[in-house]
Amino acid sequence: DVVLTTLVYRYPFSWDHFVTWAWYAGMLGLGLTLKGNAG
């Protein structure tokens, strides 16, 4: 995210990146809840 934002798209780094990273953590957490049901 940092590389894409600052180097590729040349946008400033802002607070909304933390929201995106929280979404990533939420998806990992959802995957953890699926761990017992994976098959």
Full PDB file with SEQRES, HELIX, SHEET, SSBOND, CRYST1, ORIGX, SCALE, CONECT and MASTER records, all heavy atoms in Angstrom:
SEQRES   1 A   39  ASP VAL VAL LEU THR THR LEU VAL TYR ARG TYR PRO PHE          
SEQRES   2 A   39  SER TRP ASP HIS PHE VAL THR TRP ALA TRP TYR ALA GLY          
SEQRES   3 A   39  MET LEU GLY LEU GLY LEU THR LEU LYS GLY ASN ALA GLY          
HELIX    1 AA1 VAL A    2  VAL A    2  1                                   1    
HELIX    2 AA2 VAL A    3  VAL A    8  3                                   6    
HELIX    3 AA3 ASP A   16  LEU A   34  1                                  19    
HELIX    4 AA4 LYS A   35  ASN A   37  5                                   3    
CRYST1    1.000    1.000    1.000  90.00  90.00  90.00 P 1           1          
ORIGX1      1.000000  0.000000  0.000000        0.00000                         
ORIGX2      0.000000  1.000000  0.000000        0.00000                         
ORIGX3      0.000000  0.000000  1.000000        0.00000                         
SCALE1      1.000000  0.000000  0.000000        0.00000                         
SCALE2      0.000000  1.000000  0.000000        0.00000                         
SCALE3      0.000000  0.000000  1.000000        0.00000                         
ATOM      1  N   ASP A   1       0.826  -1.214   0.000  1.00  0.00           N  
ATOM      2  CA  ASP A   1       0.000   0.000   0.000  1.00  0.00           C  
ATOM      3  C   ASP A   1       0.856   1.258   0.000  1.00  0.00           C  
ATOM      4  O   ASP A   1       0.592   2.196  -0.744  1.00  0.00           O  
ATOM      5  CB  ASP A   1      -0.911   0.036   1.231  1.00  0.00           C  
ATOM      6  CG  ASP A   1      -2.150  -0.797   1.071  1.00  0.00           C  
ATOM      7  OD1 ASP A   1      -2.441  -1.221  -0.065  1.00  0.00           O  
ATOM      8  OD2 ASP A   1      -2.831  -1.019   2.086  1.00  0.00           O  
ATOM      9  N   VAL A   2       1.876   1.262   0.840  1.00  0.00           N  
ATOM     10  CA  VAL A   2       2.754   2.434   0.920  1.00  0.00           C  
ATOM     11  C   VAL A   2       3.487   2.636  -0.397  1.00  0.00           C  
ATOM     12  O   VAL A   2       3.583   3.755  -0.906  1.00  0.00           O  
ATOM     13  CB  VAL A   2       3.733   2.290   2.101  1.00  0.00           C  
ATOM     14  CG1 VAL A   2       4.800   3.370   2.063  1.00  0.00           C  
ATOM     15  CG2 VAL A   2       2.982   2.336   3.417  1.00  0.00           C  
ATOM     16  N   VAL A   3       3.982   1.565  -0.983  1.00  0.00           N  
ATOM     17  CA  VAL A   3       4.702   1.677  -2.260  1.00  0.00           C  
ATOM     18  C   VAL A   3       3.762   2.152  -3.367  1.00  0.00           C  
ATOM     19  O   VAL A   3       4.091   3.060  -4.135  1.00  0.00           O  
ATOM     20  CB  VAL A   3       5.364   0.329  -2.630  1.00  0.00           C  
ATOM     21  CG1 VAL A   3       5.844   0.321  -4.066  1.00  0.00           C  
ATOM     22  CG2 VAL A   3       6.498   0.031  -1.689  1.00  0.00           C  
ATOM     23  N   LEU A   4       2.590   1.550  -3.450  1.00  0.00           N  
ATOM     24  CA  LEU A   4       1.642   1.956  -4.488  1.00  0.00           C  
ATOM     25  C   LEU A   4       1.208   3.405  -4.315  1.00  0.00           C  
ATOM     26  O   LEU A   4       1.127   4.159  -5.291  1.00  0.00           O  
ATOM     27  CB  LEU A   4       0.412   1.047  -4.482  1.00  0.00           C  
ATOM     28  CG  LEU A   4       0.574  -0.307  -5.135  1.00  0.00           C  
ATOM     29  CD1 LEU A   4      -0.630  -1.190  -4.835  1.00  0.00           C  
ATOM     30  CD2 LEU A   4       0.752  -0.165  -6.631  1.00  0.00           C  
ATOM     31  N   THR A   5       0.930   3.808  -3.102  1.00  0.00           N  
ATOM     32  CA  THR A   5       0.432   5.163  -2.862  1.00  0.00           C  
ATOM     33  C   THR A   5       1.494   6.211  -3.099  1.00  0.00           C  
ATOM     34  O   THR A   5       1.254   7.190  -3.805  1.00  0.00           O  
ATOM     35  CB  THR A   5      -0.101   5.275  -1.420  1.00  0.00           C  
ATOM     36  OG1 THR A   5      -1.139   4.330  -1.245  1.00  0.00           O  
ATOM     37  CG2 THR A   5      -0.644   6.664  -1.158  1.00  0.00           C  
ATOM     38  N   THR A   6       2.655   6.027  -2.515  1.00  0.00           N  
ATOM     39  CA  THR A   6       3.663   7.086  -2.571  1.00  0.00           C  
ATOM     40  C   THR A   6       4.527   7.046  -3.826  1.00  0.00           C  
ATOM     41  O   THR A   6       4.856   8.102  -4.373  1.00  0.00           O  
ATOM     42  CB  THR A   6       4.573   7.024  -1.334  1.00  0.00           C  
ATOM     43  OG1 THR A   6       5.189   5.744  -1.264  1.00  0.00           O  
ATOM     44  CG2 THR A   6       3.774   7.300  -0.077  1.00  0.00           C  
ATOM     45  N   LEU A   7       4.881   5.864  -4.297  1.00  0.00           N  
ATOM     46  CA  LEU A   7       5.803   5.788  -5.431  1.00  0.00           C  
ATOM     47  C   LEU A   7       5.108   5.631  -6.777  1.00  0.00           C  
ATOM     48  O   LEU A   7       5.539   6.218  -7.767  1.00  0.00           O  
ATOM     49  CB  LEU A   7       6.787   4.637  -5.223  1.00  0.00           C  
ATOM     50  CG  LEU A   7       7.673   4.734  -3.986  1.00  0.00           C  
ATOM     51  CD1 LEU A   7       8.546   3.505  -3.867  1.00  0.00           C  
ATOM     52  CD2 LEU A   7       8.496   5.998  -4.014  1.00  0.00           C  
ATOM     53  N   VAL A   8       4.061   4.839  -6.836  1.00  0.00           N  
ATOM     54  CA  VAL A   8       3.407   4.590  -8.122  1.00  0.00           C  
ATOM     55  C   VAL A   8       2.393   5.684  -8.452  1.00  0.00           C  
ATOM     56  O   VAL A   8       2.430   6.288  -9.513  1.00  0.00           O  
ATOM     57  CB  VAL A   8       2.740   3.193  -8.129  1.00  0.00           C  
ATOM     58  CG1 VAL A   8       1.964   2.963  -9.408  1.00  0.00           C  
ATOM     59  CG2 VAL A   8       3.793   2.109  -7.934  1.00  0.00           C  
ATOM     60  N   TYR A   9       1.474   5.952  -7.510  1.00  0.00           N  
ATOM     61  CA  TYR A   9       0.407   6.921  -7.777  1.00  0.00           C  
ATOM     62  C   TYR A   9       0.746   8.333  -7.322  1.00  0.00           C  
ATOM     63  O   TYR A   9       0.030   9.272  -7.650  1.00  0.00           O  
ATOM     64  CB  TYR A   9      -0.892   6.462  -7.118  1.00  0.00           C  
ATOM     65  CG  TYR A   9      -1.383   5.146  -7.639  1.00  0.00           C  
ATOM     66  CD1 TYR A   9      -1.622   4.086  -6.771  1.00  0.00           C  
ATOM     67  CD2 TYR A   9      -1.597   4.939  -8.989  1.00  0.00           C  
ATOM     68  CE1 TYR A   9      -2.058   2.859  -7.246  1.00  0.00           C  
ATOM     69  CE2 TYR A   9      -2.032   3.718  -9.473  1.00  0.00           C  
ATOM     70  CZ  TYR A   9      -2.270   2.689  -8.590  1.00  0.00           C  
ATOM     71  OH  TYR A   9      -2.696   1.478  -9.060  1.00  0.00           O  
ATOM     72  N   ARG A  10       1.805   8.495  -6.547  1.00  0.00           N  
ATOM     73  CA  ARG A  10       2.272   9.802  -6.067  1.00  0.00           C  
ATOM     74  C   ARG A  10       1.221  10.558  -5.247  1.00  0.00           C  
ATOM     75  O   ARG A  10       1.080  11.764  -5.366  1.00  0.00           O  
ATOM     76  CB  ARG A  10       2.729  10.676  -7.223  1.00  0.00           C  
ATOM     77  CG  ARG A  10       3.742  10.057  -8.120  1.00  0.00           C  
ATOM     78  CD  ARG A  10       5.118  10.392  -7.643  1.00  0.00           C  
ATOM     79  NE  ARG A  10       6.077   9.945  -8.648  1.00  0.00           N  
ATOM     80  CZ  ARG A  10       7.178   9.324  -8.342  1.00  0.00           C  
ATOM     81  NH1 ARG A  10       7.476   9.101  -7.108  1.00  0.00           N  
ATOM     82  NH2 ARG A  10       7.993   8.930  -9.274  1.00  0.00           N  
ATOM     83  N   TYR A  11       0.479   9.834  -4.423  1.00  0.00           N  
ATOM     84  CA  TYR A  11      -0.464  10.453  -3.495  1.00  0.00           C  
ATOM     85  C   TYR A  11       0.203  10.581  -2.138  1.00  0.00           C  
ATOM     86  O   TYR A  11       1.105   9.816  -1.798  1.00  0.00           O  
ATOM     87  CB  TYR A  11      -1.730   9.616  -3.335  1.00  0.00           C  
ATOM     88  CG  TYR A  11      -2.603   9.553  -4.550  1.00  0.00           C  
ATOM     89  CD1 TYR A  11      -3.151   8.349  -4.960  1.00  0.00           C  
ATOM     90  CD2 TYR A  11      -2.891  10.675  -5.304  1.00  0.00           C  
ATOM     91  CE1 TYR A  11      -3.966   8.268  -6.077  1.00  0.00           C  
ATOM     92  CE2 TYR A  11      -3.696  10.614  -6.422  1.00  0.00           C  
ATOM     93  CZ  TYR A  11      -4.233   9.406  -6.798  1.00  0.00           C  
ATOM     94  OH  TYR A  11      -5.030   9.329  -7.898  1.00  0.00           O  
ATOM     95  N   PRO A  12      -0.259  11.530  -1.331  1.00  0.00           N  
ATOM     96  CA  PRO A  12       0.306  11.610   0.029  1.00  0.00           C  
ATOM     97  C   PRO A  12      -0.235  10.490   0.910  1.00  0.00           C  
ATOM     98  O   PRO A  12      -1.356  10.016   0.725  1.00  0.00           O  
ATOM     99  CB  PRO A  12      -0.164  12.978   0.529  1.00  0.00           C  
ATOM    100  CG  PRO A  12      -1.386  13.274  -0.264  1.00  0.00           C  
ATOM    101  CD  PRO A  12      -1.189  12.616  -1.607  1.00  0.00           C  
ATOM    102  N   PHE A  13       0.572  10.081   1.849  1.00  0.00           N  
ATOM    103  CA  PHE A  13       0.153   9.068   2.822  1.00  0.00           C  
ATOM    104  C   PHE A  13      -0.837   9.722   3.781  1.00  0.00           C  
ATOM    105  O   PHE A  13      -0.583  10.800   4.299  1.00  0.00           O  
ATOM    106  CB  PHE A  13       1.371   8.545   3.580  1.00  0.00           C  
ATOM    107  CG  PHE A  13       1.068   7.400   4.466  1.00  0.00           C  
ATOM    108  CD1 PHE A  13       0.971   6.122   3.944  1.00  0.00           C  
ATOM    109  CD2 PHE A  13       0.859   7.579   5.819  1.00  0.00           C  
ATOM    110  CE1 PHE A  13       0.692   5.033   4.768  1.00  0.00           C  
ATOM    111  CE2 PHE A  13       0.590   6.514   6.640  1.00  0.00           C  
ATOM    112  CZ  PHE A  13       0.493   5.249   6.118  1.00  0.00           C  
ATOM    113  N   SER A  14      -1.988   9.083   4.025  1.00  0.00           N  
ATOM    114  CA  SER A  14      -3.014   9.691   4.876  1.00  0.00           C  
ATOM    115  C   SER A  14      -3.565   8.670   5.871  1.00  0.00           C  
ATOM    116  O   SER A  14      -3.218   7.489   5.850  1.00  0.00           O  
ATOM    117  CB  SER A  14      -4.141  10.255   4.022  1.00  0.00           C  
ATOM    118  OG  SER A  14      -4.763   9.224   3.297  1.00  0.00           O  
ATOM    119  N   TRP A  15      -4.447   9.128   6.725  1.00  0.00           N  
ATOM    120  CA  TRP A  15      -5.002   8.307   7.808  1.00  0.00           C  
ATOM    121  C   TRP A  15      -5.851   7.159   7.292  1.00  0.00           C  
ATOM    122  O   TRP A  15      -6.030   6.168   7.984  1.00  0.00           O  
ATOM    123  CB  TRP A  15      -5.830   9.172   8.748  1.00  0.00           C  
ATOM    124  CG  TRP A  15      -7.038   9.742   8.075  1.00  0.00           C  
ATOM    125  CD1 TRP A  15      -7.122  10.916   7.390  1.00  0.00           C  
ATOM    126  CD2 TRP A  15      -8.320   9.137   7.975  1.00  0.00           C  
ATOM    127  NE1 TRP A  15      -8.379  11.082   6.874  1.00  0.00           N  
ATOM    128  CE2 TRP A  15      -9.148  10.002   7.220  1.00  0.00           C  
ATOM    129  CE3 TRP A  15      -8.865   7.948   8.439  1.00  0.00           C  
ATOM    130  CZ2 TRP A  15     -10.467   9.715   6.930  1.00  0.00           C  
ATOM    131  CZ3 TRP A  15     -10.187   7.666   8.149  1.00  0.00           C  
ATOM    132  CH2 TRP A  15     -10.964   8.547   7.412  1.00  0.00           C  
ATOM    133  N   ASP A  16      -6.411   7.281   6.107  1.00  0.00           N  
ATOM    134  CA  ASP A  16      -7.310   6.235   5.621  1.00  0.00           C  
ATOM    135  C   ASP A  16      -6.583   4.929   5.306  1.00  0.00           C  
ATOM    136  O   ASP A  16      -7.228   3.899   5.136  1.00  0.00           O  
ATOM    137  CB  ASP A  16      -8.132   6.703   4.434  1.00  0.00           C  
ATOM    138  CG  ASP A  16      -7.302   7.137   3.256  1.00  0.00           C  
ATOM    139  OD1 ASP A  16      -6.084   7.303   3.410  1.00  0.00           O  
ATOM    140  OD2 ASP A  16      -7.879   7.313   2.165  1.00  0.00           O  
ATOM    141  N   HIS A  17      -5.277   4.950   5.264  1.00  0.00           N  
ATOM    142  CA  HIS A  17      -4.533   3.698   5.110  1.00  0.00           C  
ATOM    143  C   HIS A  17      -4.737   2.794   6.323  1.00  0.00           C  
ATOM    144  O   HIS A  17      -4.782   1.578   6.188  1.00  0.00           O  
ATOM    145  CB  HIS A  17      -3.040   3.980   4.929  1.00  0.00           C  
ATOM    146  CG  HIS A  17      -2.715   4.478   3.567  1.00  0.00           C  
ATOM    147  ND1 HIS A  17      -2.845   5.796   3.224  1.00  0.00           N  
ATOM    148  CD2 HIS A  17      -2.290   3.836   2.460  1.00  0.00           C  
ATOM    149  CE1 HIS A  17      -2.494   5.953   1.968  1.00  0.00           C  
ATOM    150  NE2 HIS A  17      -2.157   4.771   1.478  1.00  0.00           N  
ATOM    151  N   PHE A  18      -4.877   3.401   7.480  1.00  0.00           N  
ATOM    152  CA  PHE A  18      -5.096   2.613   8.692  1.00  0.00           C  
ATOM    153  C   PHE A  18      -6.458   1.911   8.653  1.00  0.00           C  
ATOM    154  O   PHE A  18      -6.601   0.811   9.175  1.00  0.00           O  
ATOM    155  CB  PHE A  18      -4.976   3.495   9.929  1.00  0.00           C  
ATOM    156  CG  PHE A  18      -3.600   4.070  10.090  1.00  0.00           C  
ATOM    157  CD1 PHE A  18      -3.366   5.417   9.887  1.00  0.00           C  
ATOM    158  CD2 PHE A  18      -2.531   3.253  10.421  1.00  0.00           C  
ATOM    159  CE1 PHE A  18      -2.095   5.945  10.022  1.00  0.00           C  
ATOM    160  CE2 PHE A  18      -1.252   3.770  10.556  1.00  0.00           C  
ATOM    161  CZ  PHE A  18      -1.034   5.123  10.350  1.00  0.00           C  
ATOM    162  N   VAL A  19      -7.438   2.533   8.010  1.00  0.00           N  
ATOM    163  CA  VAL A  19      -8.745   1.894   7.830  1.00  0.00           C  
ATOM    164  C   VAL A  19      -8.604   0.682   6.913  1.00  0.00           C  
ATOM    165  O   VAL A  19      -9.170  -0.382   7.172  1.00  0.00           O  
ATOM    166  CB  VAL A  19      -9.766   2.896   7.267  1.00  0.00           C  
ATOM    167  CG1 VAL A  19     -11.090   2.229   6.953  1.00  0.00           C  
ATOM    168  CG2 VAL A  19      -9.971   4.050   8.225  1.00  0.00           C  
ATOM    169  N   THR A  20      -7.840   0.834   5.857  1.00  0.00           N  
ATOM    170  CA  THR A  20      -7.598  -0.278   4.939  1.00  0.00           C  
ATOM    171  C   THR A  20      -6.870  -1.412   5.649  1.00  0.00           C  
ATOM    172  O   THR A  20      -7.218  -2.581   5.477  1.00  0.00           O  
ATOM    173  CB  THR A  20      -6.770   0.195   3.734  1.00  0.00           C  
ATOM    174  OG1 THR A  20      -7.452   1.282   3.109  1.00  0.00           O  
ATOM    175  CG2 THR A  20      -6.559  -0.911   2.737  1.00  0.00           C  
ATOM    176  N   TRP A  21      -5.897  -1.087   6.461  1.00  0.00           N  
ATOM    177  CA  TRP A  21      -5.150  -2.112   7.187  1.00  0.00           C  
ATOM    178  C   TRP A  21      -6.025  -2.796   8.230  1.00  0.00           C  
ATOM    179  O   TRP A  21      -5.859  -3.986   8.494  1.00  0.00           O  
ATOM    180  CB  TRP A  21      -3.904  -1.518   7.814  1.00  0.00           C  
ATOM    181  CG  TRP A  21      -2.954  -0.946   6.799  1.00  0.00           C  
ATOM    182  CD1 TRP A  21      -2.938  -1.204   5.448  1.00  0.00           C  
ATOM    183  CD2 TRP A  21      -1.926  -0.016   7.027  1.00  0.00           C  
ATOM    184  NE1 TRP A  21      -1.949  -0.482   4.840  1.00  0.00           N  
ATOM    185  CE2 TRP A  21      -1.302   0.256   5.778  1.00  0.00           C  
ATOM    186  CE3 TRP A  21      -1.445   0.635   8.155  1.00  0.00           C  
ATOM    187  CZ2 TRP A  21      -0.243   1.130   5.648  1.00  0.00           C  
ATOM    188  CZ3 TRP A  21      -0.381   1.510   8.011  1.00  0.00           C  
ATOM    189  CH2 TRP A  21       0.210   1.745   6.781  1.00  0.00           C  
ATOM    190  N   ALA A  22      -6.968  -2.048   8.814  1.00  0.00           N  
ATOM    191  CA  ALA A  22      -7.919  -2.674   9.743  1.00  0.00           C  
ATOM    192  C   ALA A  22      -8.825  -3.644   8.988  1.00  0.00           C  
ATOM    193  O   ALA A  22      -9.200  -4.693   9.509  1.00  0.00           O  
ATOM    194  CB  ALA A  22      -8.743  -1.605  10.450  1.00  0.00           C  
ATOM    195  N   TRP A  23      -9.184  -3.311   7.741  1.00  0.00           N  
ATOM    196  CA  TRP A  23      -9.970  -4.225   6.916  1.00  0.00           C  
ATOM    197  C   TRP A  23      -9.172  -5.498   6.640  1.00  0.00           C  
ATOM    198  O   TRP A  23      -9.732  -6.597   6.687  1.00  0.00           O  
ATOM    199  CB  TRP A  23     -10.352  -3.545   5.605  1.00  0.00           C  
ATOM    200  CG  TRP A  23     -11.133  -4.416   4.701  1.00  0.00           C  
ATOM    201  CD1 TRP A  23     -12.476  -4.631   4.720  1.00  0.00           C  
ATOM    202  CD2 TRP A  23     -10.621  -5.220   3.633  1.00  0.00           C  
ATOM    203  NE1 TRP A  23     -12.819  -5.507   3.736  1.00  0.00           N  
ATOM    204  CE2 TRP A  23     -11.710  -5.894   3.060  1.00  0.00           C  
ATOM    205  CE3 TRP A  23      -9.353  -5.440   3.117  1.00  0.00           C  
ATOM    206  CZ2 TRP A  23     -11.571  -6.764   1.986  1.00  0.00           C  
ATOM    207  CZ3 TRP A  23      -9.208  -6.303   2.050  1.00  0.00           C  
ATOM    208  CH2 TRP A  23     -10.304  -6.953   1.499  1.00  0.00           C  
ATOM    209  N   TYR A  24      -7.889  -5.365   6.380  1.00  0.00           N  
ATOM    210  CA  TYR A  24      -7.048  -6.543   6.178  1.00  0.00           C  
ATOM    211  C   TYR A  24      -7.054  -7.421   7.433  1.00  0.00           C  
ATOM    212  O   TYR A  24      -7.173  -8.643   7.342  1.00  0.00           O  
ATOM    213  CB  TYR A  24      -5.605  -6.150   5.861  1.00  0.00           C  
ATOM    214  CG  TYR A  24      -5.379  -5.415   4.571  1.00  0.00           C  
ATOM    215  CD1 TYR A  24      -4.256  -4.622   4.397  1.00  0.00           C  
ATOM    216  CD2 TYR A  24      -6.285  -5.496   3.515  1.00  0.00           C  
ATOM    217  CE1 TYR A  24      -4.026  -3.949   3.221  1.00  0.00           C  
ATOM    218  CE2 TYR A  24      -6.061  -4.813   2.334  1.00  0.00           C  
ATOM    219  CZ  TYR A  24      -4.937  -4.035   2.194  1.00  0.00           C  
ATOM    220  OH  TYR A  24      -4.720  -3.373   1.026  1.00  0.00           O  
ATOM    221  N   ALA A  25      -6.916  -6.792   8.596  1.00  0.00           N  
ATOM    222  CA  ALA A  25      -6.924  -7.555   9.848  1.00  0.00           C  
ATOM    223  C   ALA A  25      -8.284  -8.211  10.064  1.00  0.00           C  
ATOM    224  O   ALA A  25      -8.359  -9.342  10.554  1.00  0.00           O  
ATOM    225  CB  ALA A  25      -6.581  -6.634  11.014  1.00  0.00           C  
ATOM    226  N   GLY A  26      -9.356  -7.523   9.685  1.00  0.00           N  
ATOM    227  CA  GLY A  26     -10.687  -8.106   9.810  1.00  0.00           C  
ATOM    228  C   GLY A  26     -10.872  -9.324   8.918  1.00  0.00           C  
ATOM    229  O   GLY A  26     -11.487 -10.318   9.324  1.00  0.00           O  
ATOM    230  N   MET A  27     -10.352  -9.270   7.721  1.00  0.00           N  
ATOM    231  CA  MET A  27     -10.444 -10.418   6.821  1.00  0.00           C  
ATOM    232  C   MET A  27      -9.628 -11.592   7.352  1.00  0.00           C  
ATOM    233  O   MET A  27     -10.047 -12.745   7.246  1.00  0.00           O  
ATOM    234  CB  MET A  27      -9.970 -10.047   5.415  1.00  0.00           C  
ATOM    235  CG  MET A  27     -10.884  -9.086   4.709  1.00  0.00           C  
ATOM    236  SD  MET A  27     -12.517  -9.752   4.443  1.00  0.00           S  
ATOM    237  CE  MET A  27     -12.211 -10.854   3.095  1.00  0.00           C  
ATOM    238  N   LEU A  28      -8.466 -11.320   7.925  1.00  0.00           N  
ATOM    239  CA  LEU A  28      -7.687 -12.389   8.544  1.00  0.00           C  
ATOM    240  C   LEU A  28      -8.434 -12.981   9.735  1.00  0.00           C  
ATOM    241  O   LEU A  28      -8.432 -14.197   9.941  1.00  0.00           O  
ATOM    242  CB  LEU A  28      -6.324 -11.863   8.992  1.00  0.00           C  
ATOM    243  CG  LEU A  28      -5.286 -11.680   7.899  1.00  0.00           C  
ATOM    244  CD1 LEU A  28      -4.088 -10.928   8.443  1.00  0.00           C  
ATOM    245  CD2 LEU A  28      -4.869 -13.009   7.333  1.00  0.00           C  
ATOM    246  N   GLY A  29      -9.077 -12.120  10.520  1.00  0.00           N  
ATOM    247  CA  GLY A  29      -9.865 -12.602  11.649  1.00  0.00           C  
ATOM    248  C   GLY A  29     -11.037 -13.459  11.208  1.00  0.00           C  
ATOM    249  O   GLY A  29     -11.347 -14.481  11.830  1.00  0.00           O  
ATOM    250  N   LEU A  30     -11.689 -13.065  10.135  1.00  0.00           N  
ATOM    251  CA  LEU A  30     -12.775 -13.876   9.588  1.00  0.00           C  
ATOM    252  C   LEU A  30     -12.237 -15.220   9.106  1.00  0.00           C  
ATOM    253  O   LEU A  30     -12.871 -16.256   9.296  1.00  0.00           O  
ATOM    254  CB  LEU A  30     -13.473 -13.142   8.451  1.00  0.00           C  
ATOM    255  CG  LEU A  30     -14.695 -13.796   7.846  1.00  0.00           C  
ATOM    256  CD1 LEU A  30     -15.770 -14.001   8.901  1.00  0.00           C  
ATOM    257  CD2 LEU A  30     -15.233 -12.941   6.715  1.00  0.00           C  
ATOM    258  N   GLY A  31     -11.077 -15.213   8.501  1.00  0.00           N  
ATOM    259  CA  GLY A  31     -10.446 -16.467   8.090  1.00  0.00           C  
ATOM    260  C   GLY A  31     -10.120 -17.351   9.280  1.00  0.00           C  
ATOM    261  O   GLY A  31     -10.241 -18.573   9.206  1.00  0.00           O  
ATOM    262  N   LEU A  32      -9.714 -16.734  10.387  1.00  0.00           N  
ATOM    263  CA  LEU A  32      -9.437 -17.512  11.604  1.00  0.00           C  
ATOM    264  C   LEU A  32     -10.698 -18.196  12.119  1.00  0.00           C  
ATOM    265  O   LEU A  32     -10.651 -19.321  12.620  1.00  0.00           O  
ATOM    266  CB  LEU A  32      -8.869 -16.615  12.695  1.00  0.00           C  
ATOM    267  CG  LEU A  32      -7.399 -16.283  12.603  1.00  0.00           C  
ATOM    268  CD1 LEU A  32      -7.030 -15.225  13.633  1.00  0.00           C  
ATOM    269  CD2 LEU A  32      -6.558 -17.514  12.801  1.00  0.00           C  
ATOM    270  N   THR A  33     -11.849 -17.529  12.004  1.00  0.00           N  
ATOM    271  CA  THR A  33     -13.095 -18.148  12.452  1.00  0.00           C  
ATOM    272  C   THR A  33     -13.507 -19.294  11.535  1.00  0.00           C  
ATOM    273  O   THR A  33     -14.219 -20.190  11.961  1.00  0.00           O  
ATOM    274  CB  THR A  33     -14.245 -17.130  12.529  1.00  0.00           C  
ATOM    275  OG1 THR A  33     -14.503 -16.601  11.234  1.00  0.00           O  
ATOM    276  CG2 THR A  33     -13.912 -16.016  13.492  1.00  0.00           C  
ATOM    277  N   LEU A  34     -13.055 -19.257  10.298  1.00  0.00           N  
ATOM    278  CA  LEU A  34     -13.360 -20.333   9.353  1.00  0.00           C  
ATOM    279  C   LEU A  34     -12.409 -21.513   9.477  1.00  0.00           C  
ATOM    280  O   LEU A  34     -12.627 -22.536   8.845  1.00  0.00           O  
ATOM    281  CB  LEU A  34     -13.306 -19.800   7.918  1.00  0.00           C  
ATOM    282  CG  LEU A  34     -14.303 -18.716   7.554  1.00  0.00           C  
ATOM    283  CD1 LEU A  34     -14.004 -18.188   6.163  1.00  0.00           C  
ATOM    284  CD2 LEU A  34     -15.710 -19.244   7.639  1.00  0.00           C  
ATOM    285  N   LYS A  35     -11.367 -21.360  10.272  1.00  0.00           N  
ATOM    286  CA  LYS A  35     -10.326 -22.386  10.353  1.00  0.00           C  
ATOM    287  C   LYS A  35     -10.881 -23.759  10.730  1.00  0.00           C  
ATOM    288  O   LYS A  35     -10.510 -24.762  10.159  1.00  0.00           O  
ATOM    289  CB  LYS A  35      -9.259 -21.979  11.356  1.00  0.00           C  
ATOM    290  CG  LYS A  35      -8.077 -22.937  11.396  1.00  0.00           C  
ATOM    291  CD  LYS A  35      -7.017 -22.430  12.325  1.00  0.00           C  
ATOM    292  CE  LYS A  35      -6.243 -21.381  11.598  1.00  0.00           C  
ATOM    293  NZ  LYS A  35      -4.826 -21.412  11.727  1.00  0.00           N  
ATOM    294  N   GLY A  36     -11.807 -23.824  11.652  1.00  0.00           N  
ATOM    295  CA  GLY A  36     -12.363 -25.107  12.055  1.00  0.00           C  
ATOM    296  C   GLY A  36     -13.302 -25.705  11.023  1.00  0.00           C  
ATOM    297  O   GLY A  36     -13.513 -26.912  10.977  1.00  0.00           O  
ATOM    298  N   ASN A  37     -13.861 -24.871  10.157  1.00  0.00           N  
ATOM    299  CA  ASN A  37     -14.823 -25.335   9.168  1.00  0.00           C  
ATOM    300  C   ASN A  37     -14.217 -25.533   7.784  1.00  0.00           C  
ATOM    301  O   ASN A  37     -14.941 -25.816   6.844  1.00  0.00           O  
ATOM    302  CB  ASN A  37     -15.975 -24.335   9.052  1.00  0.00           C  
ATOM    303  CG  ASN A  37     -16.739 -24.211  10.345  1.00  0.00           C  
ATOM    304  OD1 ASN A  37     -16.804 -25.154  11.117  1.00  0.00           O  
ATOM    305  ND2 ASN A  37     -17.281 -23.034  10.594  1.00  0.00           N  
ATOM    306  N   ALA A  38     -12.923 -25.327   7.634  1.00  0.00           N  
ATOM    307  CA  ALA A  38     -12.307 -25.421   6.320  1.00  0.00           C  
ATOM    308  C   ALA A  38     -12.300 -26.865   5.842  1.00  0.00           C  
ATOM    309  O   ALA A  38     -11.887 -27.775   6.551  1.00  0.00           O  
ATOM    310  CB  ALA A  38     -10.886 -24.887   6.359  1.00  0.00           C  
ATOM    311  N   GLY A  39     -12.789 -27.075   4.648  1.00  0.00           N  
ATOM    312  CA  GLY A  39     -12.821 -28.409   4.064  1.00  0.00           C  
ATOM    313  C   GLY A  39     -13.438 -28.345   2.680  1.00  0.00           C  
ATOM    314  O   GLY A  39     -13.803 -27.282   2.192  1.00  0.00           O  
TER     315      GLY A  39                                                      
MASTER        0    0    0    4    0    0    0    6  314    1    0    3          
END                                                                             
